[in-house]
Protein backbone atom coordinates (compact mmCIF):
# COMPACT_ATOMS: atom_id res chain seq x y z
CA MET A 1 -5.66 23.64 -5.12
CA GLN A 2 -3.13 25.25 -7.45
CA GLU A 3 -2.12 22.90 -10.22
CA LYS A 4 1.56 22.24 -10.76
CA SER A 5 3.23 21.58 -14.12
CA ASP A 6 4.80 18.23 -14.90
CA SER A 7 8.26 19.79 -14.65
CA SER A 8 7.46 21.22 -11.23
CA ILE A 9 6.17 17.85 -10.04
CA ASN A 10 9.22 16.14 -11.49
CA ASN A 11 11.51 18.53 -9.60
CA LEU A 12 9.69 17.73 -6.36
CA VAL A 13 9.91 13.99 -7.02
CA SER A 14 13.66 14.25 -7.62
CA LEU A 15 14.04 15.80 -4.16
CA LEU A 16 12.63 12.63 -2.60
CA ALA A 17 16.07 11.07 -3.05
CA SER A 18 17.81 13.87 -1.15
CA SER A 19 19.92 12.98 1.88
CA ASN A 20 18.58 16.18 3.45
CA ASP A 21 15.66 15.20 5.69
CA LEU A 22 14.05 18.66 5.53
CA ALA A 23 14.24 18.81 1.73
CA ARG A 24 12.63 15.38 1.42
CA THR A 25 9.91 16.22 3.91
CA ARG A 26 9.01 19.47 2.19
CA ALA A 27 8.96 17.84 -1.23
CA CYS A 28 6.78 15.00 0.03
CA LYS A 29 4.29 17.40 1.61
CA ALA A 30 4.13 19.47 -1.58
CA LEU A 31 3.43 16.36 -3.63
CA ILE A 32 0.68 15.32 -1.24
CA VAL A 33 -0.91 18.75 -1.62
CA THR A 34 -0.63 18.39 -5.41
CA GLY A 35 -2.70 15.23 -5.17
CA SER A 36 -3.73 13.06 -8.11
CA PRO A 37 -1.71 14.93 -10.78
CA ALA A 38 1.44 13.77 -8.97
CA VAL A 39 0.45 10.11 -8.92
CA PRO A 40 1.96 9.00 -12.29
CA LEU A 41 5.41 10.36 -11.43
CA LEU A 42 5.19 9.03 -7.89
CA VAL A 43 4.37 5.58 -9.26
CA GLU A 44 7.54 5.81 -11.37
CA ALA A 45 9.49 6.91 -8.29
CA LEU A 46 8.19 3.85 -6.45
CA ARG A 47 10.32 1.75 -8.83
CA ASN A 48 13.44 3.91 -8.54
CA PRO A 49 16.66 2.19 -7.36
CA ASN A 50 17.04 4.79 -4.61
CA GLN A 51 15.59 3.50 -1.34
CA LEU A 52 14.76 6.92 0.06
CA MET A 53 12.90 7.92 -3.09
CA ARG A 54 10.83 4.74 -3.02
CA TRP A 55 10.06 5.21 0.67
CA GLU A 56 8.97 8.84 0.27
CA ALA A 57 7.00 8.01 -2.89
CA ALA A 58 5.11 5.28 -1.05
CA LYS A 59 4.42 7.70 1.80
CA ALA A 60 3.07 10.34 -0.58
CA LEU A 61 0.91 7.87 -2.49
CA ALA A 62 -0.49 6.55 0.78
CA ALA A 63 -1.45 10.06 1.85
CA ILE A 64 -2.99 10.99 -1.52
CA GLY A 65 -5.07 7.82 -1.57
CA ASP A 66 -5.74 7.74 -5.32
CA PRO A 67 -7.01 4.24 -6.27
CA LYS A 68 -5.02 4.45 -9.52
CA ALA A 69 -1.89 3.93 -7.41
CA ALA A 70 -3.18 0.70 -5.86
CA PRO A 71 -1.52 -1.71 -8.35
CA ALA A 72 1.85 0.01 -7.86
CA LEU A 73 1.48 -0.16 -4.08
CA VAL A 74 0.67 -3.85 -4.33
CA GLU A 75 3.84 -4.32 -6.36
CA ALA A 76 5.76 -2.41 -3.69
CA LEU A 77 4.69 -4.96 -1.07
CA GLU A 78 7.52 -7.07 -2.49
CA ASP A 79 10.14 -4.30 -2.31
CA GLU A 80 13.50 -5.41 -0.90
CA GLU A 81 13.27 -2.75 1.84
CA PHE A 82 10.87 -3.28 4.73
CA GLU A 83 10.30 0.47 5.09
CA VAL A 84 8.91 0.67 1.55
CA ARG A 85 6.76 -2.44 2.03
CA TRP A 86 5.37 -0.97 5.24
CA ARG A 87 4.40 2.32 3.59
CA ALA A 88 2.81 0.49 0.67
CA ALA A 89 0.73 -1.65 3.04
CA GLU A 90 -0.37 1.43 4.96
CA GLY A 91 -1.40 3.11 1.71
CA LEU A 92 -3.50 0.14 0.63
CA SER A 93 -5.08 -0.03 4.08
CA LYS A 94 -6.13 3.62 3.84
CA MET A 95 -7.66 2.99 0.42
CA GLU A 96 -9.84 0.34 2.07
CA VAL A 97 -12.09 -1.31 -0.54
CA ASN A 98 -10.42 0.56 -3.42
CA GLY A 99 -7.16 -1.28 -2.85
CA LEU A 100 -8.59 -4.75 -2.35
CA LEU A 101 -9.10 -6.03 -5.88
CA PRO A 102 -5.49 -5.58 -7.12
CA LEU A 103 -4.21 -7.00 -3.84
CA LEU A 104 -6.38 -10.10 -4.02
CA GLN A 105 -5.53 -10.59 -7.69
CA ALA A 106 -1.84 -10.49 -6.81
CA LEU A 107 -2.39 -13.15 -4.15
CA VAL A 108 -4.09 -15.36 -6.74
CA LYS A 109 -1.13 -15.05 -9.12
CA ASP A 110 1.73 -14.99 -6.61
CA GLY A 111 0.51 -16.51 -3.38
CA GLU A 112 3.92 -18.10 -2.84
CA SER A 113 5.54 -14.70 -2.23
CA VAL A 114 6.23 -14.33 1.49
CA PRO A 115 6.58 -10.49 1.45
CA LEU A 116 3.33 -10.20 -0.52
CA ARG A 117 1.50 -12.44 1.94
CA GLU A 118 2.88 -10.50 4.91
CA GLY A 119 1.80 -7.17 3.47
CA ALA A 120 -1.59 -8.55 2.49
CA HIS A 121 -2.13 -9.81 6.03
CA HIS A 122 -1.57 -6.31 7.39
CA VAL A 123 -3.95 -4.75 4.85
CA LEU A 124 -6.71 -7.31 5.26
CA HIS A 125 -6.41 -7.25 9.05
CA THR A 126 -7.17 -3.53 8.85
CA VAL A 127 -10.02 -3.49 6.34
CA ALA A 128 -11.80 -6.78 7.09
CA THR A 129 -14.74 -5.11 8.78
CA GLY A 130 -18.27 -4.16 7.81
CA ARG A 131 -20.02 -5.95 5.00
CA LEU A 132 -16.88 -7.36 3.41
CA ARG A 133 -15.75 -9.13 6.55
CA ASN A 134 -17.22 -12.51 5.58
CA ASP A 135 -15.44 -12.42 2.22
CA LEU A 136 -12.05 -11.40 3.62
CA LEU A 137 -11.85 -13.57 6.73
CA PRO A 138 -11.20 -16.79 4.74
CA VAL A 139 -8.22 -15.07 3.09
CA LEU A 140 -6.88 -14.02 6.47
CA MET A 141 -7.30 -17.56 7.76
CA ALA A 142 -5.46 -18.89 4.71
CA LEU A 143 -2.63 -16.42 5.29
CA GLU A 144 -2.29 -17.74 8.85
CA SER A 145 -2.57 -21.41 7.90
CA MET A 146 0.14 -24.07 7.90
CA TRP A 147 0.21 -24.11 4.08
CA PRO A 148 -0.48 -20.51 2.98
CA PHE A 149 1.17 -20.92 -0.42
CA VAL A 150 -1.47 -23.54 -1.21
CA GLU A 151 -4.53 -22.08 0.49
CA VAL A 152 -4.07 -18.35 -0.17
CA PRO A 153 -4.54 -18.33 -3.98
CA VAL A 154 -7.76 -20.33 -3.67
CA ALA A 155 -9.20 -18.14 -0.91
CA ALA A 156 -8.12 -14.97 -2.71
CA LEU A 157 -9.79 -16.09 -5.95
CA ARG A 158 -13.07 -16.66 -4.13
CA ALA A 159 -12.77 -13.23 -2.53
CA VAL A 160 -12.10 -11.64 -5.94
CA GLU A 161 -15.24 -13.24 -7.34
CA SER A 162 -17.28 -12.07 -4.35
CA LEU A 163 -15.86 -8.55 -4.55
CA GLU A 164 -16.52 -8.25 -8.29
CA LEU A 165 -20.09 -9.46 -7.74
CA PHE A 166 -20.55 -7.04 -4.86
CA GLN A 167 -19.33 -4.09 -6.95
CA LYS A 168 -22.03 -4.82 -9.53
CA THR A 169 -24.83 -4.46 -6.98
CA ASP A 170 -26.75 -1.27 -6.36
CA GLU A 171 -25.05 -0.65 -3.04
CA GLY A 172 -21.41 -0.23 -4.04
CA PRO A 173 -18.27 -0.04 -1.95
CA ALA A 174 -18.73 3.66 -1.18
CA SER A 175 -21.65 2.78 1.09
CA ILE A 176 -19.61 0.44 3.28
CA PRO A 177 -18.81 1.78 6.75
CA PHE A 178 -15.18 0.93 7.50
CA LYS A 179 -13.27 1.27 10.73
CA ARG A 180 -9.91 0.02 11.90
CA SER A 181 -9.99 -3.43 13.48
CA PRO A 182 -8.96 -3.65 17.13
CA GLY A 183 -5.48 -4.91 17.86
CA THR A 184 -2.55 -4.92 15.51
CA SER A 185 -1.14 -7.19 12.84
CA TRP A 186 2.33 -8.67 13.15
CA TYR A 187 3.43 -6.22 10.44
CA GLU A 188 2.99 -3.22 12.74
CA SER A 189 5.42 -4.52 15.34
CA ALA A 190 8.44 -3.71 13.16
CA ASP A 191 7.41 -0.14 12.28
CA PHE A 192 9.44 1.63 14.94
CA GLU A 193 12.64 -0.22 14.09
CA ALA A 194 12.07 0.38 10.37
CA LYS A 195 11.77 4.13 10.86
CA ARG A 196 14.93 4.17 12.94
CA ARG A 197 16.85 2.26 10.26
CA ASN A 198 15.61 4.64 7.58
CA ARG A 199 16.79 7.71 9.49
CA ARG A 200 20.16 6.05 10.01
CA HIS A 201 20.40 5.27 6.30
CA ALA A 202 19.64 8.89 5.37
CA ARG A 203 22.36 10.18 7.68
CA SER A 204 24.90 7.83 6.13
CA LEU A 205 24.44 9.29 2.63
């Protein structure tokens, strides 16, 4: 892969705010091809006031899959725009075990946040398979309980402790066979409408 300079990456990132769909798409694809070197600037873009830039940045980070972006994607689960939250959740889901620790830690600290809990439900519903299933199911149950703001931080803390212990064992996360859980989370039901709203927003600029 041909490395790009910081200025070249920055130019591509700036295009993520373009009202031109084709320009945004090309810039996003180029940043995905760039890979990890683009992650720091994409993380900055994820906090930009421009909705389209945040949405495209989340999409690129999700496709690149660099675990260094996981904390920023967790933060984006509380973005004011559903489209950005959706992309962030998808990115964390694709990271599988590599995105779990910052997500669970966020639930411990801010379990009262409804957007965070909704995004976490989508992520955990996707990755709660294989050998981590027993540790993640209590968090899912807490997220679906009558009093999630009370139960989620406790369940998430226990999962953090289990995950940290598991990562210290000889058989680390890389050996875990993951596959997508059957069915869909409630979060996926709004994806089509979110994409339609985002296209409409771009045309209005």
